[in-house]
Amino acid sequence: MTPTLTPPSETAVPPAAGEQCDRCGAAGKLRVAVAGGGDLVFCGHHANKYAEQLVKIASDVSVDPELDWRGTPLMSEN
């Protein structure tokens, strides 16, 4: 039998207090579960900067309630 990898069935959860942006180390405001597996955490600045690219690779997204993420309307288009 050939083993297969199955992505986790859990949905993305908001970044926990103390989690940092994978790009710059600022406080995490957005968590993206990547379609290929794993997740990424971004601060508000980088979440908005990379919104279009993140929407393309995301299987699930969790946004801090305080963040007005510009990718939210893009998610409904996909």
N, C-alpha and C. Protein backbone atom coordinates (compact mmCIF):
# COMPACT_ATOMS: atom_id res chain seq x y z
N MET A 1 0.83 -1.16 0.00
CA MET A 1 0.00 0.00 0.00
C MET A 1 0.89 1.24 0.00
N THR A 2 0.49 2.24 -0.77
CA THR A 2 1.24 3.49 -0.85
C THR A 2 0.63 4.48 0.13
N PRO A 3 1.41 5.00 1.08
CA PRO A 3 0.86 5.99 2.01
C PRO A 3 0.57 7.30 1.30
N THR A 4 -0.49 7.96 1.71
CA THR A 4 -0.82 9.27 1.14
C THR A 4 -0.88 10.29 2.25
N LEU A 5 -0.60 11.51 1.89
CA LEU A 5 -0.69 12.61 2.86
C LEU A 5 -2.03 13.28 2.69
N THR A 6 -2.71 13.48 3.78
CA THR A 6 -4.01 14.14 3.77
C THR A 6 -3.88 15.43 4.56
N PRO A 7 -4.30 16.56 3.96
CA PRO A 7 -4.22 17.80 4.72
C PRO A 7 -5.10 17.73 5.96
N PRO A 8 -4.74 18.45 7.00
CA PRO A 8 -5.56 18.42 8.21
C PRO A 8 -6.96 18.93 7.93
N SER A 9 -7.94 18.36 8.59
CA SER A 9 -9.32 18.77 8.38
C SER A 9 -9.71 19.98 9.22
N GLU A 10 -8.85 20.38 10.14
CA GLU A 10 -9.13 21.50 11.01
C GLU A 10 -9.10 22.81 10.22
N THR A 11 -9.91 23.76 10.63
CA THR A 11 -9.89 25.07 9.99
C THR A 11 -8.84 25.93 10.68
N ALA A 12 -8.43 26.96 10.01
CA ALA A 12 -7.41 27.86 10.57
C ALA A 12 -7.97 28.56 11.80
N VAL A 13 -7.14 28.72 12.79
CA VAL A 13 -7.52 29.45 14.00
C VAL A 13 -6.74 30.75 14.03
N PRO A 14 -7.32 31.80 14.63
CA PRO A 14 -6.61 33.08 14.67
C PRO A 14 -5.25 32.93 15.34
N PRO A 15 -4.29 33.76 14.95
CA PRO A 15 -2.98 33.70 15.62
C PRO A 15 -3.14 33.93 17.12
N ALA A 16 -2.45 33.15 17.89
CA ALA A 16 -2.48 33.29 19.35
C ALA A 16 -1.65 34.49 19.77
N ALA A 17 -1.94 34.99 20.95
CA ALA A 17 -1.15 36.10 21.49
C ALA A 17 0.31 35.67 21.51
N GLY A 18 1.16 36.51 21.05
CA GLY A 18 2.59 36.19 21.05
C GLY A 18 3.08 35.60 19.73
N GLU A 19 2.17 35.14 18.86
CA GLU A 19 2.62 34.63 17.56
C GLU A 19 3.05 35.80 16.69
N GLN A 20 4.08 35.57 15.92
CA GLN A 20 4.66 36.65 15.14
C GLN A 20 4.50 36.41 13.64
N CYS A 21 4.51 37.50 12.90
CA CYS A 21 4.45 37.48 11.44
C CYS A 21 5.63 36.68 10.90
N ASP A 22 5.35 35.79 9.95
CA ASP A 22 6.40 34.99 9.33
C ASP A 22 7.33 35.84 8.47
N ARG A 23 6.93 37.05 8.16
CA ARG A 23 7.73 37.91 7.30
C ARG A 23 8.61 38.89 8.07
N CYS A 24 8.03 39.52 9.13
CA CYS A 24 8.80 40.57 9.81
C CYS A 24 8.90 40.43 11.32
N GLY A 25 8.13 39.55 11.92
CA GLY A 25 8.21 39.36 13.36
C GLY A 25 7.24 40.20 14.17
N ALA A 26 6.40 41.03 13.51
CA ALA A 26 5.39 41.80 14.23
C ALA A 26 4.28 40.86 14.71
N ALA A 27 3.36 41.37 15.51
CA ALA A 27 2.26 40.56 16.04
C ALA A 27 1.41 39.98 14.90
N GLY A 28 1.10 38.69 14.98
CA GLY A 28 0.30 38.03 13.96
C GLY A 28 -1.15 38.45 14.01
N LYS A 29 -1.73 38.75 12.85
CA LYS A 29 -3.13 39.16 12.75
C LYS A 29 -3.92 38.28 11.79
N LEU A 30 -3.24 37.46 10.99
CA LEU A 30 -3.91 36.62 9.99
C LEU A 30 -3.21 35.27 9.93
N ARG A 31 -4.00 34.20 9.93
CA ARG A 31 -3.45 32.86 9.77
C ARG A 31 -4.05 32.29 8.49
N VAL A 32 -3.19 31.77 7.63
CA VAL A 32 -3.62 31.16 6.38
C VAL A 32 -3.24 29.68 6.40
N ALA A 33 -4.23 28.81 6.27
CA ALA A 33 -3.96 27.39 6.09
C ALA A 33 -3.71 27.20 4.60
N VAL A 34 -2.53 26.72 4.25
CA VAL A 34 -2.12 26.58 2.86
C VAL A 34 -2.67 25.28 2.29
N ALA A 35 -3.17 25.35 1.05
CA ALA A 35 -3.78 24.18 0.41
C ALA A 35 -2.84 22.97 0.40
N GLY A 36 -1.54 23.18 0.29
CA GLY A 36 -0.57 22.09 0.26
C GLY A 36 -0.21 21.56 1.64
N GLY A 37 -0.72 22.19 2.70
CA GLY A 37 -0.43 21.78 4.06
C GLY A 37 0.35 22.84 4.80
N GLY A 38 0.18 22.92 6.09
CA GLY A 38 0.86 23.91 6.92
C GLY A 38 0.07 25.21 6.98
N ASP A 39 0.62 26.16 7.69
CA ASP A 39 -0.02 27.46 7.77
C ASP A 39 1.00 28.57 7.86
N LEU A 40 0.55 29.78 7.58
CA LEU A 40 1.37 30.98 7.61
C LEU A 40 0.69 32.00 8.49
N VAL A 41 1.48 32.82 9.17
CA VAL A 41 0.95 33.89 10.01
C VAL A 41 1.55 35.21 9.53
N PHE A 42 0.70 36.22 9.40
CA PHE A 42 1.16 37.53 8.94
C PHE A 42 0.61 38.64 9.81
N CYS A 43 1.37 39.73 9.91
CA CYS A 43 0.89 40.95 10.56
C CYS A 43 -0.11 41.61 9.61
N GLY A 44 -0.78 42.64 10.07
CA GLY A 44 -1.75 43.33 9.22
C GLY A 44 -1.13 43.89 7.96
N HIS A 45 0.04 44.49 8.07
CA HIS A 45 0.71 45.09 6.92
C HIS A 45 1.00 44.05 5.84
N HIS A 46 1.64 42.96 6.22
CA HIS A 46 2.00 41.94 5.23
C HIS A 46 0.78 41.15 4.76
N ALA A 47 -0.22 40.98 5.63
CA ALA A 47 -1.45 40.31 5.21
C ALA A 47 -2.10 41.08 4.07
N ASN A 48 -2.15 42.40 4.19
CA ASN A 48 -2.74 43.21 3.13
C ASN A 48 -1.84 43.31 1.91
N LYS A 49 -0.53 43.39 2.13
CA LYS A 49 0.40 43.49 1.02
C LYS A 49 0.33 42.25 0.12
N TYR A 50 0.19 41.08 0.72
CA TYR A 50 0.19 39.83 -0.05
C TYR A 50 -1.20 39.21 -0.21
N ALA A 51 -2.25 39.99 0.03
CA ALA A 51 -3.62 39.46 0.02
C ALA A 51 -3.95 38.68 -1.25
N GLU A 52 -3.65 39.23 -2.42
CA GLU A 52 -4.01 38.56 -3.67
C GLU A 52 -3.31 37.21 -3.81
N GLN A 53 -2.05 37.13 -3.43
CA GLN A 53 -1.32 35.87 -3.52
C GLN A 53 -1.82 34.87 -2.46
N LEU A 54 -2.11 35.36 -1.27
CA LEU A 54 -2.57 34.48 -0.19
C LEU A 54 -3.91 33.83 -0.52
N VAL A 55 -4.80 34.60 -1.13
CA VAL A 55 -6.11 34.06 -1.51
C VAL A 55 -5.95 32.88 -2.47
N LYS A 56 -4.96 32.95 -3.33
CA LYS A 56 -4.75 31.90 -4.33
C LYS A 56 -4.26 30.59 -3.73
N ILE A 57 -3.55 30.65 -2.60
CA ILE A 57 -2.97 29.42 -2.02
C ILE A 57 -3.69 28.95 -0.77
N ALA A 58 -4.66 29.71 -0.29
CA ALA A 58 -5.32 29.42 0.99
C ALA A 58 -6.40 28.36 0.84
N SER A 59 -6.42 27.43 1.80
CA SER A 59 -7.55 26.52 1.91
C SER A 59 -8.49 27.03 2.99
N ASP A 60 -7.97 27.84 3.92
CA ASP A 60 -8.78 28.46 4.96
C ASP A 60 -8.01 29.66 5.51
N VAL A 61 -8.75 30.66 5.96
CA VAL A 61 -8.14 31.89 6.47
C VAL A 61 -8.86 32.28 7.75
N SER A 62 -8.09 32.73 8.73
CA SER A 62 -8.66 33.25 9.97
C SER A 62 -8.05 34.63 10.22
N VAL A 63 -8.93 35.62 10.34
CA VAL A 63 -8.49 37.01 10.47
C VAL A 63 -8.82 37.52 11.86
N ASP A 64 -7.87 38.21 12.47
CA ASP A 64 -8.10 38.87 13.75
C ASP A 64 -9.25 39.86 13.55
N PRO A 65 -10.22 39.91 14.48
CA PRO A 65 -11.37 40.81 14.33
C PRO A 65 -10.98 42.28 14.18
N GLU A 66 -9.80 42.65 14.66
CA GLU A 66 -9.36 44.04 14.57
C GLU A 66 -8.76 44.38 13.21
N LEU A 67 -8.52 43.38 12.37
CA LEU A 67 -7.86 43.61 11.09
C LEU A 67 -8.89 43.72 9.97
N ASP A 68 -8.80 44.80 9.20
CA ASP A 68 -9.63 44.95 7.99
C ASP A 68 -8.79 44.42 6.83
N TRP A 69 -8.87 43.11 6.60
CA TRP A 69 -8.04 42.45 5.58
C TRP A 69 -8.61 42.64 4.19
N ARG A 70 -7.80 43.14 3.28
CA ARG A 70 -8.31 43.40 1.93
C ARG A 70 -8.50 42.13 1.11
N GLY A 71 -8.12 40.99 1.64
CA GLY A 71 -8.34 39.73 0.96
C GLY A 71 -9.73 39.15 1.19
N THR A 72 -10.46 39.66 2.18
CA THR A 72 -11.79 39.13 2.49
C THR A 72 -12.72 39.16 1.29
N PRO A 73 -12.85 40.29 0.58
CA PRO A 73 -13.72 40.27 -0.60
C PRO A 73 -13.19 39.36 -1.71
N LEU A 74 -11.88 39.19 -1.79
CA LEU A 74 -11.30 38.34 -2.81
C LEU A 74 -11.62 36.87 -2.54
N MET A 75 -11.75 36.48 -1.26
CA MET A 75 -12.06 35.10 -0.90
C MET A 75 -13.44 34.70 -1.44
N SER A 76 -14.38 35.63 -1.40
CA SER A 76 -15.73 35.31 -1.87
C SER A 76 -15.78 35.18 -3.39
N GLU A 77 -14.82 35.77 -4.09
CA GLU A 77 -14.76 35.66 -5.55
C GLU A 77 -14.24 34.33 -6.01
N ASN A 78 -13.44 33.64 -5.18
CA ASN A 78 -12.83 32.37 -5.57
C ASN A 78 -13.69 31.20 -5.19
